[in-house]
Amino acid sequence: MKGGSRPQGYTIVEVMIFLAVTGGLFVAIVATFSGQQGKAQFVQAARDMESKMQDIINDVSTGYYNANPANNFRCREVAGLPQVTASASDTQGTNDECIFIGRVAHFAVSGSGGTNYNVYNVVGLRQAPGSNPRREAGGFSDAHPTAIMGGSLDNIVEEEQIPAGLSVASMTYSTGGAPTPIAAIGFFSTFGSYQSGGLQSNSLGVNVVPLAAGGADSTPVQVQTAIQGLNNTSAQNPRGGVAICMNSVTSRQHAVLTIGGNDRQLTTDLAIRNNSCP
């Protein structure tokens, strides 16, 4: 009786099992790698957003605002209110009836699809209207703030892109109770304290001001109305700060960027957390 030998090679079933196992391992590796890459991209995008907010704060601290020479504007006091119009001749430093007050970041812009946000420059009257003798504006109620926007002035509005990999889910501020939804956040110079006609040292700073402005999907006009409605009793530097909650587009994460809070007007704090925004 002759002994036989097993044929060399693999059967079709063995090859299929090998391919199935290898394919499964490949999919698992790719999924793990993609997940880690997505998390890293989201963290970087959230940090980019934090950097953008810090840049706006620094702009207000230094008195910088965007005004392309081709898009100059004229600001004058008319009937006790600031009136801003387009002008080809008025350059920076020549609008002596108005002052630069601050900047506003508007996230819930109607029709933007959540891919960008607007930054508005805000001006106000330099002197309190109707005061006799005239005195420097001592607050929102004196300055009557207004954003530079509308018509040909829209060229001065800055449209910023939200960093790829994240979407802004909500903005809120808290004074210790339940968070209040808002659509925009303002960074405004504090009004100087004057004594004997002179500006007192250490009297200037930057305040964080939440603007409800109609809530989510608000229009620039609604934000303008909220800015023009600011007065000396408006909420400033809320104790819990302003929180911007951002979801990851590629991973199960969210980030909370907190601006201000606990008497820290100019600080930002970024926290990366699991799952989506609450």
C-alpha atoms as a PDB file:
ATOM      1  CA  MET A   1       0.000   0.000   0.000  1.00  0.00           C
ATOM      2  CA  LYS A   2       1.556   3.246  -1.150  1.00  0.00           C
ATOM      3  CA  GLY A   3       1.620   6.200   1.126  1.00  0.00           C
ATOM      4  CA  GLY A   4       0.298   9.510  -0.196  1.00  0.00           C
ATOM      5  CA  SER A   5       1.479  13.073   0.403  1.00  0.00           C
ATOM      6  CA  ARG A   6      -0.726  16.112   1.066  1.00  0.00           C
ATOM      7  CA  PRO A   7      -0.890  18.541  -1.881  1.00  0.00           C
ATOM      8  CA  GLN A   8       1.134  21.731  -1.353  1.00  0.00           C
ATOM      9  CA  GLY A   9      -0.552  25.135  -1.002  1.00  0.00           C
ATOM     10  CA  TYR A  10      -3.729  26.423   0.635  1.00  0.00           C
ATOM     11  CA  THR A  11      -7.298  25.573  -0.061  1.00  0.00           C
ATOM     12  CA  ILE A  12      -9.724  28.264  -1.196  1.00  0.00           C
ATOM     13  CA  VAL A  13     -11.389  28.180   2.219  1.00  0.00           C
ATOM     14  CA  GLU A  14      -8.074  28.817   3.979  1.00  0.00           C
ATOM     15  CA  VAL A  15      -7.256  31.695   1.638  1.00  0.00           C
ATOM     16  CA  MET A  16     -10.680  33.258   2.258  1.00  0.00           C
ATOM     17  CA  ILE A  17     -10.226  32.952   6.029  1.00  0.00           C
ATOM     18  CA  PHE A  18      -6.770  34.573   5.784  1.00  0.00           C
ATOM     19  CA  LEU A  19      -8.096  37.448   3.668  1.00  0.00           C
ATOM     20  CA  ALA A  20     -11.044  37.997   6.009  1.00  0.00           C
ATOM     21  CA  VAL A  21      -8.794  38.151   9.088  1.00  0.00           C
ATOM     22  CA  THR A  22      -6.248  40.385   7.348  1.00  0.00           C
ATOM     23  CA  GLY A  23      -8.976  42.658   6.036  1.00  0.00           C
ATOM     24  CA  GLY A  24     -10.507  42.967   9.487  1.00  0.00           C
ATOM     25  CA  LEU A  25      -7.165  43.880  11.019  1.00  0.00           C
ATOM     26  CA  PHE A  26      -6.550  46.462   8.280  1.00  0.00           C
ATOM     27  CA  VAL A  27      -9.955  48.072   8.828  1.00  0.00           C
ATOM     28  CA  ALA A  28      -9.339  48.191  12.585  1.00  0.00           C
ATOM     29  CA  ILE A  29      -5.909  49.798  12.122  1.00  0.00           C
ATOM     30  CA  VAL A  30      -7.258  52.353   9.646  1.00  0.00           C
ATOM     31  CA  ALA A  31     -10.182  53.179  11.936  1.00  0.00           C
ATOM     32  CA  THR A  32      -7.850  53.640  14.911  1.00  0.00           C
ATOM     33  CA  PHE A  33      -5.444  55.778  12.904  1.00  0.00           C
ATOM     34  CA  SER A  34      -8.270  57.874  11.430  1.00  0.00           C
ATOM     35  CA  GLY A  35      -9.801  58.344  14.862  1.00  0.00           C
ATOM     36  CA  GLN A  36      -6.521  59.530  16.357  1.00  0.00           C
ATOM     37  CA  GLN A  37      -5.914  61.794  13.381  1.00  0.00           C
ATOM     38  CA  GLY A  38      -9.425  63.230  13.664  1.00  0.00           C
ATOM     39  CA  LYS A  39      -8.911  63.931  17.372  1.00  0.00           C
ATOM     40  CA  ALA A  40      -5.614  65.669  16.709  1.00  0.00           C
ATOM     41  CA  GLN A  41      -7.160  67.804  13.953  1.00  0.00           C
ATOM     42  CA  PHE A  42     -10.036  68.799  16.217  1.00  0.00           C
ATOM     43  CA  VAL A  43      -7.751  69.806  19.080  1.00  0.00           C
ATOM     44  CA  GLN A  44      -5.691  71.950  16.695  1.00  0.00           C
ATOM     45  CA  ALA A  45      -8.836  73.545  15.230  1.00  0.00           C
ATOM     46  CA  ALA A  46     -10.128  74.366  18.724  1.00  0.00           C
ATOM     47  CA  ARG A  47      -6.785  75.925  19.617  1.00  0.00           C
ATOM     48  CA  ASP A  48      -6.900  77.969  16.412  1.00  0.00           C
ATOM     49  CA  MET A  49     -10.301  79.322  17.475  1.00  0.00           C
ATOM     50  CA  GLU A  50      -8.921  80.211  20.903  1.00  0.00           C
ATOM     51  CA  SER A  51      -6.053  82.037  19.211  1.00  0.00           C
ATOM     52  CA  LYS A  52      -8.526  83.989  17.044  1.00  0.00           C
ATOM     53  CA  MET A  53     -10.396  85.195  20.135  1.00  0.00           C
ATOM     54  CA  GLN A  54      -7.140  86.201  21.807  1.00  0.00           C
ATOM     55  CA  ASP A  55      -6.219  88.190  18.694  1.00  0.00           C
ATOM     56  CA  ILE A  56      -9.514  90.125  18.900  1.00  0.00           C
ATOM     57  CA  ILE A  57      -8.904  90.867  22.576  1.00  0.00           C
ATOM     58  CA  ASN A  58      -5.402  92.112  21.756  1.00  0.00           C
ATOM     59  CA  ASP A  59      -6.800  94.292  18.962  1.00  0.00           C
ATOM     60  CA  VAL A  60      -9.115  96.027  21.426  1.00  0.00           C
ATOM     61  CA  SER A  61      -6.316  96.390  23.986  1.00  0.00           C
ATOM     62  CA  THR A  62      -4.138  98.172  21.435  1.00  0.00           C
ATOM     63  CA  GLY A  63      -6.945 100.136  19.776  1.00  0.00           C
ATOM     64  CA  TYR A  64      -6.577  98.386  16.413  1.00  0.00           C
ATOM     65  CA  TYR A  65      -9.520  98.086  14.049  1.00  0.00           C
ATOM     66  CA  ASN A  66      -9.812  97.053  10.415  1.00  0.00           C
ATOM     67  CA  ALA A  67     -10.302  99.928   7.971  1.00  0.00           C
ATOM     68  CA  ASN A  68      -8.856  99.355   4.534  1.00  0.00           C
ATOM     69  CA  PRO A  69      -7.811 102.703   3.009  1.00  0.00           C
ATOM     70  CA  ALA A  70     -10.237 102.076   0.139  1.00  0.00           C
ATOM     71  CA  ASN A  71     -13.084 101.678   2.645  1.00  0.00           C
ATOM     72  CA  ASN A  72     -12.673 104.699   4.915  1.00  0.00           C
ATOM     73  CA  PHE A  73     -15.638 105.958   6.904  1.00  0.00           C
ATOM     74  CA  ARG A  74     -16.845 109.166   8.480  1.00  0.00           C
ATOM     75  CA  CYS A  75     -18.203 109.245  12.021  1.00  0.00           C
ATOM     76  CA  ARG A  76     -19.983 112.334  13.306  1.00  0.00           C
ATOM     77  CA  GLU A  77     -22.394 113.234  16.097  1.00  0.00           C
ATOM     78  CA  VAL A  78     -25.844 113.810  14.623  1.00  0.00           C
ATOM     79  CA  ALA A  79     -28.804 114.544  16.928  1.00  0.00           C
ATOM     80  CA  GLY A  80     -26.922 113.148  19.919  1.00  0.00           C
ATOM     81  CA  LEU A  81     -26.001 109.844  18.212  1.00  0.00           C
ATOM     82  CA  PRO A  82     -22.987 108.646  16.222  1.00  0.00           C
ATOM     83  CA  GLN A  83     -23.632 108.561  12.490  1.00  0.00           C
ATOM     84  CA  VAL A  84     -21.272 106.434  10.395  1.00  0.00           C
ATOM     85  CA  THR A  85     -21.123 106.845   6.624  1.00  0.00           C
ATOM     86  CA  ALA A  86     -18.714 105.779   3.895  1.00  0.00           C
ATOM     87  CA  SER A  87     -16.117 108.376   2.991  1.00  0.00           C
ATOM     88  CA  ALA A  88     -13.243 108.601   0.549  1.00  0.00           C
ATOM     89  CA  SER A  89     -11.468 111.361   2.434  1.00  0.00           C
ATOM     90  CA  ASP A  90     -11.749 110.656   6.181  1.00  0.00           C
ATOM     91  CA  THR A  91      -8.759 108.581   7.249  1.00  0.00           C
ATOM     92  CA  GLN A  92      -7.916 106.998  10.580  1.00  0.00           C
ATOM     93  CA  GLY A  93      -7.431 109.581  13.299  1.00  0.00           C
ATOM     94  CA  THR A  94      -9.563 112.295  11.668  1.00  0.00           C
ATOM     95  CA  ASN A  95     -12.974 111.385  13.145  1.00  0.00           C
ATOM     96  CA  ASP A  96     -12.524 113.450  16.282  1.00  0.00           C
ATOM     97  CA  GLU A  97     -16.195 113.317  17.302  1.00  0.00           C
ATOM     98  CA  CYS A  98     -16.077 109.516  17.710  1.00  0.00           C
ATOM     99  CA  ILE A  99     -13.884 106.961  19.428  1.00  0.00           C
ATOM    100  CA  PHE A 100     -13.138 103.294  18.767  1.00  0.00           C
ATOM    101  CA  ILE A 101     -14.875 101.293  21.515  1.00  0.00           C
ATOM    102  CA  GLY A 102     -14.295  97.644  20.697  1.00  0.00           C
ATOM    103  CA  ARG A 103     -15.015  94.631  18.524  1.00  0.00           C
ATOM    104  CA  VAL A 104     -17.820  92.051  18.417  1.00  0.00           C
ATOM    105  CA  ALA A 105     -17.573  88.418  17.266  1.00  0.00           C
ATOM    106  CA  HIS A 106     -20.922  87.226  15.848  1.00  0.00           C
ATOM    107  CA  PHE A 107     -21.117  83.423  15.514  1.00  0.00           C
ATOM    108  CA  ALA A 108     -24.764  82.540  14.917  1.00  0.00           C
ATOM    109  CA  VAL A 109     -24.907  84.447  11.625  1.00  0.00           C
ATOM    110  CA  SER A 110     -28.136  83.811   9.736  1.00  0.00           C
ATOM    111  CA  GLY A 111     -27.514  82.107   6.394  1.00  0.00           C
ATOM    112  CA  SER A 112     -23.842  81.349   7.046  1.00  0.00           C
ATOM    113  CA  GLY A 113     -24.396  77.610   7.413  1.00  0.00           C
ATOM    114  CA  GLY A 114     -22.190  77.642  10.492  1.00  0.00           C
ATOM    115  CA  THR A 115     -18.978  77.850   8.442  1.00  0.00           C
ATOM    116  CA  ASN A 116     -17.960  81.413   9.275  1.00  0.00           C
ATOM    117  CA  TYR A 117     -18.447  84.236  11.751  1.00  0.00           C
ATOM    118  CA  ASN A 118     -18.399  88.019  11.524  1.00  0.00           C
ATOM    119  CA  VAL A 119     -16.251  90.496  13.405  1.00  0.00           C
ATOM    120  CA  TYR A 120     -17.639  94.034  13.701  1.00  0.00           C
ATOM    121  CA  ASN A 121     -15.814  97.211  14.711  1.00  0.00           C
ATOM    122  CA  VAL A 122     -17.747  99.356  17.195  1.00  0.00           C
ATOM    123  CA  VAL A 123     -17.497 103.135  17.606  1.00  0.00           C
ATOM    124  CA  GLY A 124     -19.214 105.671  19.844  1.00  0.00           C
ATOM    125  CA  LEU A 125     -19.330 109.358  20.700  1.00  0.00           C
ATOM    126  CA  ARG A 126     -16.196 110.828  22.262  1.00  0.00           C
ATOM    127  CA  GLN A 127     -18.172 113.259  24.420  1.00  0.00           C
ATOM    128  CA  ALA A 128     -21.497 112.880  26.189  1.00  0.00           C
ATOM    129  CA  PRO A 129     -24.171 114.567  24.059  1.00  0.00           C
ATOM    130  CA  GLY A 130     -25.939 117.520  25.664  1.00  0.00           C
ATOM    131  CA  SER A 131     -23.387 117.898  28.473  1.00  0.00           C
ATOM    132  CA  ASN A 132     -22.506 121.485  29.338  1.00  0.00           C
ATOM    133  CA  PRO A 133     -19.639 121.957  29.610  1.00  0.00           C
ATOM    134  CA  ARG A 134     -18.874 119.031  27.322  1.00  0.00           C
ATOM    135  CA  ARG A 135     -17.310 116.051  29.085  1.00  0.00           C
ATOM    136  CA  GLU A 136     -15.724 112.842  27.833  1.00  0.00           C
ATOM    137  CA  ALA A 137     -18.048 109.829  27.497  1.00  0.00           C
ATOM    138  CA  GLY A 138     -17.981 107.850  30.726  1.00  0.00           C
ATOM    139  CA  GLY A 139     -19.827 104.722  29.587  1.00  0.00           C
ATOM    140  CA  PHE A 140     -22.117 103.135  27.025  1.00  0.00           C
ATOM    141  CA  SER A 141     -24.980 105.446  27.971  1.00  0.00           C
ATOM    142  CA  ASP A 142     -22.870 108.461  26.977  1.00  0.00           C
ATOM    143  CA  ALA A 143     -21.166 106.957  23.929  1.00  0.00           C
ATOM    144  CA  HIS A 144     -24.218 105.345  22.269  1.00  0.00           C
ATOM    145  CA  PRO A 145     -22.165 102.568  20.603  1.00  0.00           C
ATOM    146  CA  THR A 146     -22.833 101.440  17.042  1.00  0.00           C
ATOM    147  CA  ALA A 147     -21.160  98.860  14.785  1.00  0.00           C
ATOM    148  CA  ILE A 148     -19.699  99.855  11.437  1.00  0.00           C
ATOM    149  CA  MET A 149     -21.870  97.841   9.051  1.00  0.00           C
ATOM    150  CA  GLY A 150     -24.575  98.156   6.434  1.00  0.00           C
ATOM    151  CA  GLY A 151     -24.498  99.061   2.756  1.00  0.00           C
ATOM    152  CA  SER A 152     -21.073 100.124   1.521  1.00  0.00           C
ATOM    153  CA  LEU A 153     -19.759  99.875   5.093  1.00  0.00           C
ATOM    154  CA  ASP A 154     -20.111  96.080   4.948  1.00  0.00           C
ATOM    155  CA  ASN A 155     -16.664  96.058   3.337  1.00  0.00           C
ATOM    156  CA  ILE A 156     -15.267  96.812   6.784  1.00  0.00           C
ATOM    157  CA  VAL A 157     -17.034  93.798   8.342  1.00  0.00           C
ATOM    158  CA  GLU A 158     -14.566  90.927   8.672  1.00  0.00           C
ATOM    159  CA  GLU A 159     -15.839  87.484   7.678  1.00  0.00           C
ATOM    160  CA  GLU A 160     -13.689  84.882   9.412  1.00  0.00           C
ATOM    161  CA  GLN A 161     -13.673  81.175   8.576  1.00  0.00           C
ATOM    162  CA  ILE A 162     -14.426  78.721  11.362  1.00  0.00           C
ATOM    163  CA  PRO A 163     -11.444  76.312  11.492  1.00  0.00           C
ATOM    164  CA  ALA A 164     -11.997  73.072   9.575  1.00  0.00           C
ATOM    165  CA  GLY A 165     -12.877  70.106  11.753  1.00  0.00           C
ATOM    166  CA  LEU A 166     -15.226  71.838  14.179  1.00  0.00           C
ATOM    167  CA  SER A 167     -18.634  73.490  14.291  1.00  0.00           C
ATOM    168  CA  VAL A 168     -19.902  76.006  16.830  1.00  0.00           C
ATOM    169  CA  ALA A 169     -22.883  74.421  18.584  1.00  0.00           C
ATOM    170  CA  SER A 170     -23.771  77.102  21.134  1.00  0.00           C
ATOM    171  CA  MET A 171     -22.696  80.233  22.977  1.00  0.00           C
ATOM    172  CA  THR A 172     -23.808  81.029  26.517  1.00  0.00           C
ATOM    173  CA  TYR A 173     -22.893  83.176  29.471  1.00  0.00           C
ATOM    174  CA  SER A 174     -23.457  82.551  33.153  1.00  0.00           C
ATOM    175  CA  THR A 175     -23.665  84.720  36.238  1.00  0.00           C
ATOM    176  CA  GLY A 176     -24.004  81.753  38.556  1.00  0.00           C
ATOM    177  CA  GLY A 177     -27.426  80.432  37.501  1.00  0.00           C
ATOM    178  CA  ALA A 178     -28.576  78.652  34.342  1.00  0.00           C
ATOM    179  CA  PRO A 179     -26.568  79.559  31.226  1.00  0.00           C
ATOM    180  CA  THR A 180     -28.154  82.191  28.954  1.00  0.00           C
ATOM    181  CA  PRO A 181     -27.891  81.627  25.171  1.00  0.00           C
ATOM    182  CA  ILE A 182     -26.270  84.413  23.150  1.00  0.00           C
ATOM    183  CA  ALA A 183     -25.303  84.982  19.518  1.00  0.00           C
ATOM    184  CA  ALA A 184     -22.301  87.292  19.873  1.00  0.00           C
ATOM    185  CA  ILE A 185     -19.597  88.343  22.280  1.00  0.00           C
ATOM    186  CA  GLY A 186     -18.236  91.866  22.572  1.00  0.00           C
ATOM    187  CA  PHE A 187     -14.823  93.033  23.718  1.00  0.00           C
ATOM    188  CA  PHE A 188     -15.023  96.697  24.707  1.00  0.00           C
ATOM    189  CA  SER A 189     -12.513  99.180  26.057  1.00  0.00           C
ATOM    190  CA  THR A 190     -13.370 100.507  29.466  1.00  0.00           C
ATOM    191  CA  PHE A 191     -14.059 104.227  29.473  1.00  0.00           C
ATOM    192  CA  GLY A 192     -11.315 106.297  31.030  1.00  0.00           C
ATOM    193  CA  SER A 193     -11.700 108.098  34.329  1.00  0.00           C
ATOM    194  CA  TYR A 194     -11.017 111.813  34.128  1.00  0.00           C
ATOM    195  CA  GLN A 195     -10.109 114.216  36.903  1.00  0.00           C
ATOM    196  CA  SER A 196      -9.337 117.912  36.423  1.00  0.00           C
ATOM    197  CA  GLY A 197      -9.480 117.361  32.679  1.00  0.00           C
ATOM    198  CA  GLY A 198      -6.842 114.613  32.687  1.00  0.00           C
ATOM    199  CA  LEU A 199      -7.056 110.878  32.072  1.00  0.00           C
ATOM    200  CA  GLN A 200      -6.266 108.908  35.215  1.00  0.00           C
ATOM    201  CA  SER A 201      -3.580 106.225  34.992  1.00  0.00           C
ATOM    202  CA  ASN A 202      -4.644 102.556  35.146  1.00  0.00           C
ATOM    203  CA  SER A 203      -8.194 103.528  34.203  1.00  0.00           C
ATOM    204  CA  LEU A 204      -8.331 101.645  30.889  1.00  0.00           C
ATOM    205  CA  GLY A 205      -8.912  97.952  30.232  1.00  0.00           C
ATOM    206  CA  VAL A 206     -11.088  95.553  28.233  1.00  0.00           C
ATOM    207  CA  ASN A 207     -14.479  94.190  29.277  1.00  0.00           C
ATOM    208  CA  VAL A 208     -16.293  91.087  28.037  1.00  0.00           C
ATOM    209  CA  VAL A 209     -19.923  91.803  27.103  1.00  0.00           C
ATOM    210  CA  PRO A 210     -22.383  89.021  26.078  1.00  0.00           C
ATOM    211  CA  LEU A 211     -24.944  89.960  23.403  1.00  0.00           C
ATOM    212  CA  ALA A 212     -28.138  87.920  23.117  1.00  0.00           C
ATOM    213  CA  ALA A 213     -29.099  89.530  19.790  1.00  0.00           C
ATOM    214  CA  GLY A 214     -31.960  87.178  18.961  1.00  0.00           C
ATOM    215  CA  GLY A 215     -30.131  83.953  19.813  1.00  0.00           C
ATOM    216  CA  ALA A 216     -29.173  81.330  17.242  1.00  0.00           C
ATOM    217  CA  ASP A 217     -29.379  82.150  13.526  1.00  0.00           C
ATOM    218  CA  SER A 218     -29.401  85.888  14.199  1.00  0.00           C
ATOM    219  CA  THR A 219     -28.863  88.583  11.588  1.00  0.00           C
ATOM    220  CA  PRO A 220     -26.274  91.388  11.613  1.00  0.00           C
ATOM    221  CA  VAL A 221     -29.149  93.847  12.039  1.00  0.00           C
ATOM    222  CA  GLN A 222     -30.191  92.093  15.268  1.00  0.00           C
ATOM    223  CA  VAL A 223     -26.630  92.271  16.560  1.00  0.00           C
ATOM    224  CA  GLN A 224     -26.487  95.963  15.628  1.00  0.00           C
ATOM    225  CA  THR A 225     -29.687  96.561  17.604  1.00  0.00           C
ATOM    226  CA  ALA A 226     -28.175  94.786  20.628  1.00  0.00           C
ATOM    227  CA  ILE A 227     -24.997  96.879  20.378  1.00  0.00           C
ATOM    228  CA  GLN A 228     -26.953 100.136  20.095  1.00  0.00           C
ATOM    229  CA  GLY A 229     -29.022  99.089  23.119  1.00  0.00           C
ATOM    230  CA  LEU A 230     -25.988  98.801  25.421  1.00  0.00           C
ATOM    231  CA  ASN A 231     -26.017 101.087  28.444  1.00  0.00           C
ATOM    232  CA  ASN A 232     -24.239 101.419  31.763  1.00  0.00           C
ATOM    233  CA  THR A 233     -26.374  98.664  33.326  1.00  0.00           C
ATOM    234  CA  SER A 234     -25.714  96.059  30.602  1.00  0.00           C
ATOM    235  CA  ALA A 235     -24.124  92.776  31.667  1.00  0.00           C
ATOM    236  CA  GLN A 236     -20.332  92.954  31.655  1.00  0.00           C
ATOM    237  CA  ASN A 237     -17.693  90.426  32.710  1.00  0.00           C
ATOM    238  CA  PRO A 238     -20.200  87.713  33.768  1.00  0.00           C
ATOM    239  CA  ARG A 239     -18.958  85.707  36.734  1.00  0.00           C
ATOM    240  CA  GLY A 240     -19.098  82.416  34.829  1.00  0.00           C
ATOM    241  CA  GLY A 241     -17.631  83.920  31.682  1.00  0.00           C
ATOM    242  CA  VAL A 242     -18.799  83.327  28.119  1.00  0.00           C
ATOM    243  CA  ALA A 243     -18.648  79.707  26.917  1.00  0.00           C
ATOM    244  CA  ILE A 244     -18.374  78.741  23.245  1.00  0.00           C
ATOM    245  CA  CYS A 245     -19.157  75.034  22.768  1.00  0.00           C
ATOM    246  CA  MET A 246     -17.727  73.454  19.611  1.00  0.00           C
ATOM    247  CA  ASN A 247     -18.382  69.959  18.249  1.00  0.00           C
ATOM    248  CA  SER A 248     -15.851  67.863  16.372  1.00  0.00           C
ATOM    249  CA  VAL A 249     -16.794  66.996  12.801  1.00  0.00           C
ATOM    250  CA  THR A 250     -14.596  63.873  12.717  1.00  0.00           C
ATOM    251  CA  SER A 251     -14.518  62.489  16.268  1.00  0.00           C
ATOM    252  CA  ARG A 252     -16.825  62.048  19.252  1.00  0.00           C
ATOM    253  CA  GLN A 253     -15.510  65.082  21.091  1.00  0.00           C
ATOM    254  CA  HIS A 254     -16.382  68.636  21.907  1.00  0.00           C
ATOM    255  CA  ALA A 255     -14.452  71.625  23.190  1.00  0.00           C
ATOM    256  CA  VAL A 256     -15.548  74.416  25.514  1.00  0.00           C
ATOM    257  CA  LEU A 257     -13.767  77.750  25.122  1.00  0.00           C
ATOM    258  CA  THR A 258     -14.438  79.919  28.176  1.00  0.00           C
ATOM    259  CA  ILE A 259     -13.637  83.619  27.921  1.00  0.00           C
ATOM    260  CA  GLY A 260     -13.402  85.649  31.099  1.00  0.00           C
ATOM    261  CA  GLY A 261     -15.124  84.691  34.328  1.00  0.00           C
ATOM    262  CA  ASN A 262     -14.135  85.106  37.968  1.00  0.00           C
ATOM    263  CA  ASP A 263     -12.874  88.651  37.312  1.00  0.00           C
ATOM    264  CA  ARG A 264     -10.492  87.436  34.581  1.00  0.00           C
ATOM    265  CA  GLN A 265     -11.808  89.468  31.649  1.00  0.00           C
ATOM    266  CA  LEU A 266      -8.911  88.875  29.305  1.00  0.00           C
ATOM    267  CA  THR A 267      -8.236  85.174  29.898  1.00  0.00           C
ATOM    268  CA  THR A 268      -9.292  82.223  27.748  1.00  0.00           C
ATOM    269  CA  ASP A 269      -9.546  78.597  28.838  1.00  0.00           C
ATOM    270  CA  LEU A 270      -9.952  75.633  26.457  1.00  0.00           C
ATOM    271  CA  ALA A 271     -11.249  72.244  27.642  1.00  0.00           C
ATOM    272  CA  ILE A 272     -11.468  69.163  25.364  1.00  0.00           C
ATOM    273  CA  ARG A 273     -14.184  66.676  26.367  1.00  0.00           C
ATOM    274  CA  ASN A 274     -15.785  63.483  25.080  1.00  0.00           C
ATOM    275  CA  ASN A 275     -19.101  63.232  23.202  1.00  0.00           C
ATOM    276  CA  SER A 276     -21.043  66.188  21.757  1.00  0.00           C
ATOM    277  CA  CYS A 277     -21.933  69.528  23.298  1.00  0.00           C
ATOM    278  CA  PRO A 278     -24.660  69.166  25.931  1.00  0.00           C
END
